[in-house]
Amino acid sequence: MVSTINDLNAIKDRMTADGGRKTLIKVSMSTCGITAGADTVFNFFKEELDREGKDDIELVSTGCMGLCHSEPTIEVRLPGEKGEIYGDVDLKKAEKILKDIKYKKTHKTDVFVSDKLEKIVLRNCGFIDPENIDDAISHDAYYALHKVLTEMSREDVIKEVTDSGLRGRGGGGFSTGMKWKFAYNYDSDKKYVVCNADEGDPGAFMDRSVLEGDPHSVLEAMAICGYAIGSDEGIIYIRAEYPLAIERLEKAIAQAKEYGLLGEDIFGTGFNFKIRLKYGAGAFVCGEETALIHSMEGKRGEPTLKPPFPAEAGYWEKPTNVNNVETYANIPAIINRGAKWFKGIGTENSAGTKVFALAGKVKNVGLIEVPMGTSLKEVIFDIGGGIAGNRKFKAVQTGGPSGGCLTENDLDTPIDFDTLKEKGSMMGSGGMIVMDEQDCMVAVAKFYLGFTVDESCGKCTPCRIGNKRLYEILDRITKGDGNLDDLKLLRDLSKTIKRASLCGLGKTAPNPVLSTLNNFYDEYEAHVKDKKCPATVCTNLIQFTITDKCIGCTACAKVCPTEAILGRVKEKHYIYQERCIKCGACYNACKFNAIKKA
């Protein structure tokens, strides 16, 4: 049972002393790491260390280190030395690393780790064992909770969060402190603290990684919020497709209860707070807080008009505060280090850092955290290492399906809430997908519209019908059946949907269409006027032809599923276009670059 600050300090001292005497092998055991084979590497180390009875080497299972491009990743830290990170660790490499450890030598980090990163939310991810509460406490877990319960009034806590400038990281960017104050101001016999862990953007994995790597930071923050607004119950609404995050959350909640850090009379102050999980079915619209609350109540996940806001009438019509995982994960650091410290990071109107899932056509795919105000160029080319295959950068989609595509002209844009919005995109929850010259921007807009059409709850007509019409127009254009009038209709309909939709999903769904129309209008024109897809992506608008480089090897004919390739051995072949289904099998099979795609 942890009852005083001395109990926390005792755990920290013990863990620090133990860690300082041992060599540490930390294996990144997040979802992406396990998928890449980290569990095999971990079991190898465990079996070898158990077999040899080594007690001077400690094996630690951690969360995501953010280096998704080099999974499985491990960190080796010899006593008194700086840790070194190794990527793409297979059994052969693991064997060599273990041998080097025995001889007290390590080699330099062999994966790129940028010095432009600044970790607040991810401060413990990849460093602590997320299933060991003592390890979390040794990295300052629950110190902030002790501070607010023993040294600060509820008003002090809300002022500290407000003064920090922290804005909601779920996409809306509303002041977190003001949101807490609204819930605090409403009198009620019952209030709720809700964590939105329903991460649904394509290519987004920020919240999942935090919950897998540092669940105690979120539990502690929810308890702090509960104290501030006058709530004794927290609920984490998490998608059921996150089994590892759920497992680690359940363990963390159980451990916190066992230590008395959740439950009754926390730190002997009379403050009670409990947390439970509520599973979601993966509906994107439930990222909107009123839809999320309805889903928690067992109703259809549909948004409602505001006001009243959840702070007044939320879960079961009681005052409810809703923040997402990343927002909560900032709170303990703000309390421990102060609002002035946090405010000093980032920009004037966007304080702190932002976590991004950097994905797409970039070399160093991964989870990154950078100060607000960092430019897109720094993220993509310095941290991300540039475009995979050394191809040309074309666009970056920020804000997921609700965001917009920015171009080469926007690379110097600082990443913050207001600037991205001015550019026709948005911060969103933190998805960042990079595209190169091989991507068709019309097809990209169509992909995102297809997603939002599928995820629409259907409650309001502009979203239910309007976005469906947008998708149909884009589909027509990618098939070569569009015309110039369609381009005007796309723009007009998009603006109408943005104005008239009920919730954020509908209001932002046309952003990919408008941003690609604004920045890549020539590609739309090529599709409707020339009936060509410049990126040769849209199947109906491309054609495969065989050039004079053909030597008649028949490799293409052998893989063609429709027998559309005609010709004799050692003679130039010919593609019968009426039979060609444009599958690209011949293009991929030709070793002489004799097949042209245009």
Foldseek 3Di string as FASTA:
>chain_A
DDQDVVSLVVLLVVVVVLVLQAKEKEWAPEPLQVVLPSVVLLVVVVVVCVVVVDPRYDYAYFHDPWQSLFHRKMWIDGRPDDIAMEGVDDPVNSVVQVVCVVVPDDDHHPDDDFPQFDDQLCPQGSPFRLLDVSRVSNVPQCVLVNCCLPPHALVRLLVQQQLLLQFFLQFPRHRQSVLLVLLQPADDPAEEEEAEALDAFVLDCVLLRSLLGHVSLLVSLSLSSCRNNVHAEYEYEHAPVSVNSVVSNVSNQVVCVVNQVAAACRSVSRRHHHYDYDYDHNQPLCSPQQLVLCVSVVHHSDHDFDDVDLSQQGRVGHRYRYGYRSSSSNSSVCSVPTSVVQCVFADNNFTHKAWAQEEAQFSRGTIGIHTFFDFQLCVRCVVRVHGPPPAAWAWKFAQGLLFETDGPVRRRQTHDAPRRVVLLTGNRSHYIYTDGLLDFLLVVLLVSLVVLQVSDSLPDCLSVPLSVVLNVLSVCLLLLNHAPVSLVVLVVSLVVQLVPDRDSSRNRNSSHVVRCCVVPVVQSCCSHPVVARSSLPRQNSKDKWFAPLDQQCCQLCVPQPQSQWDDHRRDTIGGNVVRDSSPCSSVVRDPRNRMDMD
